[in-house]
């Protein structure tokens, strides 16, 4: 595990933590940019894989605005 390589320990906190929202934001000029849409999809899918779920915005990354993905 990468934490071990850095001499770090991972432990569960002794209290509940509220979920932290993850938001992508970009300038509107990139709304229809295919390369930027691809990058947003990669970031979204990477977070989904890390968190163990899919995001359910109902909006395709290529059509999404800053508040949607």
C-alpha atoms as a PDB file:
ATOM      1  CA  UNK A   1       0.000   0.000   0.000  1.00  0.00           C
ATOM      2  CA  UNK A   2       1.351   3.503  -0.817  1.00  0.00           C
ATOM      3  CA  UNK A   3       0.859   4.727   2.762  1.00  0.00           C
ATOM      4  CA  UNK A   4       3.233   2.020   4.007  1.00  0.00           C
ATOM      5  CA  UNK A   5       5.899   3.159   1.564  1.00  0.00           C
ATOM      6  CA  UNK A   6       5.684   6.661   3.045  1.00  0.00           C
ATOM      7  CA  UNK A   7       5.723   5.492   6.643  1.00  0.00           C
ATOM      8  CA  UNK A   8       2.079   6.465   7.183  1.00  0.00           C
ATOM      9  CA  UNK A   9      -0.627   4.593   9.052  1.00  0.00           C
ATOM     10  CA  UNK A  10      -4.277   4.569   8.030  1.00  0.00           C
ATOM     11  CA  UNK A  11      -6.851   4.192  10.772  1.00  0.00           C
ATOM     12  CA  UNK A  12     -10.579   4.703  11.155  1.00  0.00           C
ATOM     13  CA  UNK A  13     -11.489   7.831  13.135  1.00  0.00           C
ATOM     14  CA  UNK A  14     -13.343   7.221  16.403  1.00  0.00           C
ATOM     15  CA  UNK A  15     -16.309   9.304  15.203  1.00  0.00           C
ATOM     16  CA  UNK A  16     -18.570   9.575  12.163  1.00  0.00           C
ATOM     17  CA  UNK A  17     -17.576  11.917   9.358  1.00  0.00           C
ATOM     18  CA  UNK A  18     -20.061  13.645   7.096  1.00  0.00           C
ATOM     19  CA  UNK A  19     -19.698  12.939   3.376  1.00  0.00           C
ATOM     20  CA  UNK A  20     -17.637  15.489   1.472  1.00  0.00           C
ATOM     21  CA  UNK A  21     -19.122  16.659  -1.832  1.00  0.00           C
ATOM     22  CA  UNK A  22     -16.885  16.376  -4.883  1.00  0.00           C
ATOM     23  CA  UNK A  23     -17.550  18.966  -7.569  1.00  0.00           C
ATOM     24  CA  UNK A  24     -15.948  19.606 -10.942  1.00  0.00           C
ATOM     25  CA  UNK A  25     -15.995  23.154 -12.263  1.00  0.00           C
ATOM     26  CA  UNK A  26     -14.808  24.629 -15.545  1.00  0.00           C
ATOM     27  CA  UNK A  27     -15.243  27.713 -17.675  1.00  0.00           C
ATOM     28  CA  UNK A  28     -18.267  27.591 -19.966  1.00  0.00           C
ATOM     29  CA  UNK A  29     -16.041  27.844 -23.044  1.00  0.00           C
ATOM     30  CA  UNK A  30     -15.096  24.203 -22.378  1.00  0.00           C
ATOM     31  CA  UNK A  31     -18.687  22.911 -22.211  1.00  0.00           C
ATOM     32  CA  UNK A  32     -18.540  21.597 -25.798  1.00  0.00           C
ATOM     33  CA  UNK A  33     -14.811  20.852 -25.951  1.00  0.00           C
ATOM     34  CA  UNK A  34     -14.461  17.110 -26.648  1.00  0.00           C
ATOM     35  CA  UNK A  35     -10.997  16.819 -25.077  1.00  0.00           C
ATOM     36  CA  UNK A  36     -12.190  18.570 -21.929  1.00  0.00           C
ATOM     37  CA  UNK A  37     -15.317  16.392 -21.808  1.00  0.00           C
ATOM     38  CA  UNK A  38     -13.063  13.327 -22.045  1.00  0.00           C
ATOM     39  CA  UNK A  39     -10.898  14.634 -19.182  1.00  0.00           C
ATOM     40  CA  UNK A  40     -13.965  15.336 -17.024  1.00  0.00           C
ATOM     41  CA  UNK A  41     -15.220  11.805 -17.686  1.00  0.00           C
ATOM     42  CA  UNK A  42     -11.831  10.360 -16.677  1.00  0.00           C
ATOM     43  CA  UNK A  43     -11.831  12.324 -13.419  1.00  0.00           C
ATOM     44  CA  UNK A  44     -15.466  11.394 -12.709  1.00  0.00           C
ATOM     45  CA  UNK A  45     -14.848   7.702 -13.427  1.00  0.00           C
ATOM     46  CA  UNK A  46     -11.658   7.654 -11.344  1.00  0.00           C
ATOM     47  CA  UNK A  47     -13.454   9.096  -8.336  1.00  0.00           C
ATOM     48  CA  UNK A  48     -16.348   6.684  -8.868  1.00  0.00           C
ATOM     49  CA  UNK A  49     -13.953   3.729  -8.902  1.00  0.00           C
ATOM     50  CA  UNK A  50     -12.159   5.005  -5.802  1.00  0.00           C
ATOM     51  CA  UNK A  51     -15.409   5.641  -3.933  1.00  0.00           C
ATOM     52  CA  UNK A  52     -16.990   2.419  -5.150  1.00  0.00           C
ATOM     53  CA  UNK A  53     -20.000   3.878  -6.924  1.00  0.00           C
ATOM     54  CA  UNK A  54     -21.129   5.672 -10.057  1.00  0.00           C
ATOM     55  CA  UNK A  55     -22.218   9.274 -10.000  1.00  0.00           C
ATOM     56  CA  UNK A  56     -25.861   9.698 -10.859  1.00  0.00           C
ATOM     57  CA  UNK A  57     -26.178  13.162 -12.331  1.00  0.00           C
ATOM     58  CA  UNK A  58     -28.309  12.038 -15.260  1.00  0.00           C
ATOM     59  CA  UNK A  59     -26.090  14.141 -17.511  1.00  0.00           C
ATOM     60  CA  UNK A  60     -23.485  12.851 -19.930  1.00  0.00           C
ATOM     61  CA  UNK A  61     -20.083  14.414 -19.293  1.00  0.00           C
ATOM     62  CA  UNK A  62     -19.924  15.762 -22.841  1.00  0.00           C
ATOM     63  CA  UNK A  63     -23.218  17.627 -22.267  1.00  0.00           C
ATOM     64  CA  UNK A  64     -22.701  18.597 -18.652  1.00  0.00           C
ATOM     65  CA  UNK A  65     -22.210  22.027 -17.253  1.00  0.00           C
ATOM     66  CA  UNK A  66     -19.965  22.884 -14.295  1.00  0.00           C
ATOM     67  CA  UNK A  67     -22.579  22.016 -11.673  1.00  0.00           C
ATOM     68  CA  UNK A  68     -23.627  18.720 -13.286  1.00  0.00           C
ATOM     69  CA  UNK A  69     -20.549  16.518 -13.077  1.00  0.00           C
END
